Amino acid sequence: MFFWVLALLILCGFLWNYKRQLKIADITDKYIFITGCDTGFGNLAARTFDKKGFHVIAACLTESESIALKAETSERLHTVLLDVTDPENVKRTAQWVKNQVGEKGLWGLINNAGILGVLAPTDWLTVEDYREPIEVNLFGLISVTLNLLPLVKKARGRIINVSSIGGRLAFSGGGYTPSKYAVEGFNDSLRRDMKAFGVHVSCIEPGLFKTGLSDPIKATEKKLAIWKHLSPDIKQQYGEGYIEKCLDKLKGTNSFVNVDLSLVVECMDHALTSLFPKTHYAAGRDAKTFWIPLSHMPAVLQDFLLLKQKIELANPKAV
């Protein structure tokens, strides 16, 4: 009996793996739109999918990065300047994309644009510190999606939302993790709503990657700028050397940071081209072995492990 159960499990595993490897027939007539192509994941994705033969429309925030990307790619790739937080800019871009794709519709929408914002203890922050990352990471993503959704429905295509392990575990104070938690919720409701239209919706959850978004120097500079305006009471509670200690602690985690950005692009590729795309993709060794498993653990264990990474406060009783 045990032998037959084992054989059945092996067969199911083989069929599951085979199913995941099945690809769509042709990509040379398909259009995809990618946000946040100035640098990082979006830039690599635009160049990768251009080489594969897709008609890529790459949205950049700055003209200089748009020109640089166009110079490195084929004539198939088009760039467009887009600020996802500007509703009129998004509407004009959507109309331009509609004219480009015609009756074919839009096969793929990759919502990649995002910012980190300020990462700092919650009691250091104002509501404005939360607003900027939420405007970009959440409302910008929703705005682009809603404006391009009719074109994706026409093609019965794919929508790929780049979230983060920060959408599964709140590792720091600030607007980044709330924005990513909300992206996860939007992604799930969108996936279920689009099922009847033959549109597949996937969510990618990258771990910690070495990109401009996660530059520790920039993050520290933002913290220092906030520190200067904190009340004397809060400074006394945290201690004068708090930020420097945080930076030293961060340097010790460099070995856990992924440097291969193609891990995320490979997830995008599978979500775009597989006949059976996954609903969720974890990208990066740390995401697969630590962050995602930990997100399923009891809160008491999550708190214990994450608080071990926190710096001890100088005088928390000085309230």
Protein backbone atom coordinates (compact mmCIF):
# COMPACT_ATOMS: atom_id res chain seq x y z
CA MET A 1 0.00 0.00 0.00
CA PHE A 2 2.80 2.41 0.93
CA PHE A 3 4.51 1.75 -2.42
CA TRP A 4 1.38 2.69 -4.41
CA VAL A 5 0.85 5.88 -2.38
CA LEU A 6 4.49 6.84 -2.95
CA ALA A 7 4.21 6.09 -6.68
CA LEU A 8 1.06 8.21 -6.91
CA LEU A 9 2.76 11.13 -5.17
CA ILE A 10 5.75 10.92 -7.51
CA LEU A 11 3.44 10.82 -10.54
CA CYS A 12 1.47 13.82 -9.27
CA GLY A 13 4.71 15.73 -8.71
CA PHE A 14 5.90 14.92 -12.22
CA LEU A 15 2.60 15.98 -13.80
CA TRP A 16 2.54 19.18 -11.72
CA ASN A 17 6.06 20.09 -12.80
CA TYR A 18 5.29 19.24 -16.44
CA LYS A 19 2.17 21.41 -16.33
CA ARG A 20 4.20 24.38 -15.05
CA GLN A 21 6.62 24.08 -18.00
CA LEU A 22 3.96 24.40 -20.73
CA LYS A 23 4.30 27.73 -22.57
CA ILE A 24 2.10 29.91 -24.78
CA ALA A 25 2.61 29.31 -28.51
CA ASP A 26 3.72 32.70 -29.83
CA ILE A 27 4.97 35.89 -28.22
CA THR A 28 6.11 37.92 -31.23
CA ASP A 29 2.66 39.48 -31.71
CA LYS A 30 2.08 40.24 -28.03
CA TYR A 31 2.40 43.62 -26.29
CA ILE A 32 3.42 44.09 -22.66
CA PHE A 33 3.50 47.26 -20.56
CA ILE A 34 5.98 47.59 -17.69
CA THR A 35 6.11 50.41 -15.14
CA GLY A 36 9.23 51.52 -13.27
CA CYS A 37 11.74 50.78 -16.04
CA ASP A 38 14.32 53.43 -15.09
CA THR A 39 16.40 50.97 -13.06
CA GLY A 40 16.24 47.69 -11.18
CA PHE A 41 13.73 44.94 -11.92
CA GLY A 42 11.75 46.97 -14.46
CA ASN A 43 14.80 47.95 -16.49
CA LEU A 44 16.10 44.38 -16.64
CA ALA A 45 12.62 43.07 -17.45
CA ALA A 46 12.21 45.51 -20.36
CA ARG A 47 15.56 44.49 -21.87
CA THR A 48 14.94 40.78 -21.28
CA PHE A 49 11.47 40.66 -22.80
CA ASP A 50 12.59 42.79 -25.73
CA LYS A 51 15.25 40.17 -26.52
CA LYS A 52 12.65 37.41 -26.25
CA GLY A 53 10.56 39.06 -28.97
CA PHE A 54 7.75 40.79 -27.08
CA HIS A 55 6.57 44.24 -28.11
CA VAL A 56 7.62 46.02 -24.92
CA ILE A 57 6.22 49.37 -23.81
CA ALA A 58 8.50 50.53 -21.01
CA ALA A 59 7.30 53.31 -18.73
CA CYS A 60 10.05 55.43 -17.17
CA LEU A 61 9.84 58.33 -14.74
CA THR A 62 12.82 60.26 -16.13
CA GLU A 63 13.67 61.19 -19.70
CA SER A 64 17.38 60.38 -19.26
CA GLU A 65 16.70 56.77 -18.25
CA SER A 66 14.11 56.45 -21.02
CA ILE A 67 16.69 57.50 -23.63
CA ALA A 68 19.31 55.16 -22.17
CA LEU A 69 16.94 52.19 -22.24
CA LYS A 70 15.88 52.89 -25.82
CA ALA A 71 19.52 53.02 -26.89
CA GLU A 72 20.13 49.51 -25.49
CA THR A 73 17.12 47.77 -27.03
CA SER A 74 15.54 46.95 -30.37
CA GLU A 75 13.14 49.01 -32.44
CA ARG A 76 10.26 46.92 -31.06
CA LEU A 77 10.63 48.52 -27.65
CA HIS A 78 8.87 51.83 -27.04
CA THR A 79 9.37 54.03 -24.01
CA VAL A 80 6.92 56.43 -22.45
CA LEU A 81 7.32 58.90 -19.59
CA LEU A 82 4.93 58.06 -16.77
CA ASP A 83 4.34 59.31 -13.25
CA VAL A 84 1.92 56.74 -11.81
CA THR A 85 0.73 59.26 -9.20
CA ASP A 86 -0.50 61.70 -11.87
CA PRO A 87 -4.03 60.63 -12.94
CA GLU A 88 -4.02 62.69 -16.15
CA ASN A 89 -0.61 61.33 -17.13
CA VAL A 90 -1.90 57.78 -16.57
CA LYS A 91 -5.03 58.41 -18.67
CA ARG A 92 -3.05 59.91 -21.56
CA THR A 93 -0.60 57.01 -21.44
CA ALA A 94 -3.42 54.46 -21.46
CA GLN A 95 -4.92 56.09 -24.56
CA TRP A 96 -1.50 56.10 -26.25
CA VAL A 97 -1.05 52.40 -25.41
CA LYS A 98 -4.51 51.67 -26.84
CA ASN A 99 -3.49 53.28 -30.12
CA GLN A 100 -0.28 51.24 -30.16
CA VAL A 101 -1.76 47.80 -29.49
CA GLY A 102 -4.92 48.19 -31.60
CA GLU A 103 -7.28 45.22 -31.71
CA LYS A 104 -4.70 42.84 -30.27
CA GLY A 105 -5.09 44.32 -26.82
CA LEU A 106 -2.45 44.19 -24.12
CA TRP A 107 -1.13 40.73 -23.29
CA GLY A 108 0.83 41.71 -20.19
CA LEU A 109 0.75 44.46 -17.59
CA ILE A 110 3.63 44.40 -15.11
CA ASN A 111 3.08 46.80 -12.22
CA ASN A 112 6.64 47.21 -11.03
CA ALA A 113 6.99 50.91 -10.13
CA GLY A 114 7.57 51.47 -6.44
CA ILE A 115 9.48 53.43 -3.83
CA LEU A 116 10.70 52.59 -0.33
CA GLY A 117 9.87 55.84 1.40
CA VAL A 118 11.14 56.35 4.94
CA LEU A 119 11.89 53.28 7.07
CA ALA A 120 11.94 54.39 10.69
CA PRO A 121 10.23 53.70 14.02
CA THR A 122 6.55 54.55 13.89
CA ASP A 123 6.73 57.20 16.62
CA TRP A 124 9.25 59.17 14.53
CA LEU A 125 6.89 59.60 11.60
CA THR A 126 4.08 61.82 10.41
CA VAL A 127 1.17 60.87 8.18
CA GLU A 128 3.01 62.55 5.28
CA ASP A 129 5.84 60.05 5.65
CA TYR A 130 3.29 57.31 5.02
CA ARG A 131 1.53 59.08 2.18
CA GLU A 132 4.28 59.07 -0.49
CA PRO A 133 4.96 55.30 -0.69
CA ILE A 134 1.25 54.55 -0.46
CA GLU A 135 0.51 56.99 -3.31
CA VAL A 136 3.12 55.33 -5.56
CA ASN A 137 3.03 51.69 -4.52
CA LEU A 138 -0.72 51.32 -4.06
CA PHE A 139 -2.78 54.09 -5.67
CA GLY A 140 -0.37 54.40 -8.59
CA LEU A 141 -0.58 50.66 -9.20
CA ILE A 142 -4.38 50.70 -8.98
CA SER A 143 -4.63 53.71 -11.30
CA VAL A 144 -2.47 52.10 -13.99
CA THR A 145 -4.35 48.81 -13.67
CA LEU A 146 -7.83 50.32 -13.95
CA ASN A 147 -6.88 52.41 -16.97
CA LEU A 148 -5.27 49.51 -18.85
CA LEU A 149 -7.64 46.77 -17.70
CA PRO A 150 -9.94 46.92 -20.77
CA LEU A 151 -6.92 46.28 -23.04
CA VAL A 152 -5.79 43.30 -20.93
CA LYS A 153 -9.34 41.87 -20.95
CA LYS A 154 -9.43 42.22 -24.73
CA ALA A 155 -6.28 40.08 -25.04
CA ARG A 156 -7.32 37.70 -22.21
CA GLY A 157 -3.84 38.44 -20.95
CA ARG A 158 -1.84 38.63 -17.75
CA ILE A 159 -1.44 41.12 -14.92
CA ILE A 160 1.65 40.87 -12.70
CA ASN A 161 1.84 42.92 -9.53
CA VAL A 162 5.24 43.26 -7.88
CA SER A 163 4.67 43.25 -4.14
CA SER A 164 7.34 42.35 -1.58
CA ILE A 165 8.05 40.20 1.43
CA GLY A 166 7.05 43.47 3.11
CA GLY A 167 3.51 42.58 2.04
CA ARG A 168 3.73 39.44 4.17
CA LEU A 169 5.66 40.69 7.22
CA ALA A 170 6.04 44.21 8.60
CA PHE A 171 9.80 44.42 9.08
CA SER A 172 9.95 48.18 9.70
CA GLY A 173 7.85 51.22 10.43
CA GLY A 174 6.88 53.52 7.55
CA GLY A 175 4.52 53.51 4.59
CA TYR A 176 6.27 50.77 2.58
CA THR A 177 4.86 47.72 4.34
CA PRO A 178 1.27 49.06 4.64
CA SER A 179 1.36 49.83 0.90
CA LYS A 180 2.55 46.31 0.07
CA TYR A 181 0.01 44.66 2.37
CA ALA A 182 -2.66 46.61 0.49
CA VAL A 183 -1.18 45.57 -2.89
CA GLU A 184 -1.58 41.94 -1.80
CA GLY A 185 -5.25 42.56 -1.01
CA PHE A 186 -5.88 44.38 -4.30
CA ASN A 187 -4.07 41.61 -6.18
CA ASP A 188 -6.23 38.88 -4.63
CA SER A 189 -9.54 40.62 -5.30
CA LEU A 190 -8.46 41.50 -8.86
CA ARG A 191 -7.41 37.89 -9.51
CA ARG A 192 -10.84 36.59 -8.53
CA ASP A 193 -12.71 39.31 -10.42
CA MET A 194 -10.75 38.68 -13.64
CA LYS A 195 -11.09 34.88 -13.57
CA ALA A 196 -14.30 34.97 -15.63
CA PHE A 197 -12.58 37.05 -18.33
CA GLY A 198 -9.70 34.61 -18.81
CA VAL A 199 -7.21 37.10 -17.33
CA HIS A 200 -4.54 35.60 -15.06
CA VAL A 201 -3.33 37.78 -12.18
CA SER A 202 -0.08 36.96 -10.39
CA CYS A 203 1.77 38.51 -7.48
CA ILE A 204 5.57 38.49 -7.11
CA GLU A 205 7.05 38.79 -3.63
CA PRO A 206 10.78 39.57 -3.87
CA GLY A 207 13.00 39.28 -0.84
CA LEU A 208 15.84 41.70 -0.14
CA PHE A 209 17.61 42.63 -3.37
CA LYS A 210 20.50 44.97 -4.06
CA THR A 211 18.80 47.75 -6.01
CA GLY A 212 18.58 51.52 -5.81
CA LEU A 213 15.36 51.03 -3.84
CA SER A 214 17.17 49.33 -0.96
CA ASP A 215 20.30 51.51 -0.80
CA PRO A 216 21.25 51.57 2.94
CA ILE A 217 23.03 54.91 2.59
CA LYS A 218 19.92 56.65 1.23
CA ALA A 219 17.75 54.99 3.88
CA THR A 220 20.10 56.20 6.62
CA GLU A 221 20.14 59.75 5.22
CA LYS A 222 16.34 59.82 5.38
CA LYS A 223 16.42 58.63 8.98
CA LEU A 224 18.98 61.28 9.92
CA ALA A 225 16.83 64.00 8.35
CA ILE A 226 13.89 62.92 10.50
CA TRP A 227 16.04 62.54 13.62
CA LYS A 228 17.00 66.22 13.48
CA HIS A 229 13.35 67.22 13.93
CA LEU A 230 12.41 64.76 16.67
CA SER A 231 11.45 65.97 20.12
CA PRO A 232 14.06 65.82 22.91
CA ASP A 233 11.95 63.15 24.68
CA ILE A 234 12.09 60.74 21.72
CA LYS A 235 15.80 61.35 21.21
CA GLN A 236 16.38 60.53 24.87
CA GLN A 237 14.33 57.33 24.56
CA TYR A 238 16.25 56.04 21.55
CA GLY A 239 19.70 57.42 22.34
CA GLU A 240 22.08 59.52 20.24
CA GLY A 241 23.87 56.54 18.65
CA TYR A 242 20.69 54.75 17.60
CA ILE A 243 20.96 55.35 13.82
CA GLU A 244 24.65 54.43 13.70
CA LYS A 245 23.91 51.19 15.54
CA CYS A 246 21.11 50.44 13.06
CA LEU A 247 23.51 50.95 10.15
CA ASP A 248 26.09 48.64 11.73
CA LYS A 249 23.40 46.00 12.24
CA LEU A 250 22.31 46.39 8.62
CA LYS A 251 25.85 45.83 7.37
CA GLY A 252 25.80 42.45 9.07
CA THR A 253 22.85 41.33 6.94
CA ASN A 254 24.55 41.98 3.57
CA SER A 255 25.11 38.25 3.05
CA PHE A 256 21.33 37.77 2.94
CA VAL A 257 20.80 40.35 0.18
CA ASN A 258 20.18 38.91 -3.29
CA VAL A 259 22.28 40.44 -6.07
CA ASP A 260 20.83 38.52 -9.05
CA LEU A 261 17.87 40.61 -10.24
CA SER A 262 17.06 38.00 -12.90
CA LEU A 263 15.43 35.88 -10.17
CA VAL A 264 12.54 38.34 -10.16
CA VAL A 265 12.46 38.66 -13.96
CA GLU A 266 12.28 34.86 -14.27
CA CYS A 267 9.12 34.96 -12.15
CA MET A 268 7.70 37.65 -14.45
CA ASP A 269 8.61 35.51 -17.45
CA HIS A 270 6.79 32.46 -16.11
CA ALA A 271 3.73 34.53 -15.21
CA LEU A 272 3.69 35.99 -18.73
CA THR A 273 4.39 32.88 -20.80
CA SER A 274 3.24 29.82 -18.86
CA LEU A 275 -0.06 28.21 -19.79
CA PHE A 276 -0.58 27.76 -16.06
CA PRO A 277 0.95 30.75 -14.25
CA LYS A 278 1.18 30.70 -10.47
CA THR A 279 -0.88 33.04 -8.32
CA HIS A 280 2.14 33.92 -6.15
CA TYR A 281 5.89 33.85 -6.76
CA ALA A 282 8.54 34.14 -4.06
CA ALA A 283 11.80 35.54 -5.48
CA GLY A 284 15.12 35.28 -3.69
CA ARG A 285 16.64 32.76 -1.31
CA ASP A 286 15.71 34.78 1.77
CA ALA A 287 12.08 35.06 0.68
CA LYS A 288 11.76 31.31 0.12
CA THR A 289 13.64 30.09 3.18
CA PHE A 290 12.90 32.75 5.79
CA TRP A 291 10.37 35.51 5.10
CA ILE A 292 7.52 33.56 3.48
CA PRO A 293 7.75 30.58 5.89
CA LEU A 294 7.91 32.99 8.84
CA SER A 295 4.78 34.77 7.58
CA HIS A 296 2.83 31.55 8.22
CA MET A 297 4.15 31.19 11.79
CA PRO A 298 2.42 32.38 14.99
CA ALA A 299 2.78 36.08 15.75
CA VAL A 300 4.73 35.34 18.93
CA LEU A 301 7.46 33.61 16.89
CA GLN A 302 7.47 36.37 14.26
CA ASP A 303 7.89 39.00 16.97
CA PHE A 304 10.65 37.06 18.69
CA LEU A 305 12.76 36.66 15.54
CA LEU A 306 12.20 40.16 14.15
CA LEU A 307 12.72 41.92 17.48
CA LYS A 308 16.09 40.18 17.81
CA GLN A 309 17.21 42.37 14.90
CA LYS A 310 16.14 45.58 16.63
CA ILE A 311 18.55 47.88 18.43
CA GLU A 312 18.08 48.14 22.19
CA LEU A 313 16.76 51.55 23.18
CA ALA A 314 18.79 53.78 25.47
CA ASN A 315 15.95 54.73 27.84
CA PRO A 316 12.45 53.59 26.80
CA LYS A 317 11.06 54.61 30.21
CA ALA A 318 11.85 58.28 29.59
CA VAL A 319 8.28 59.08 28.57
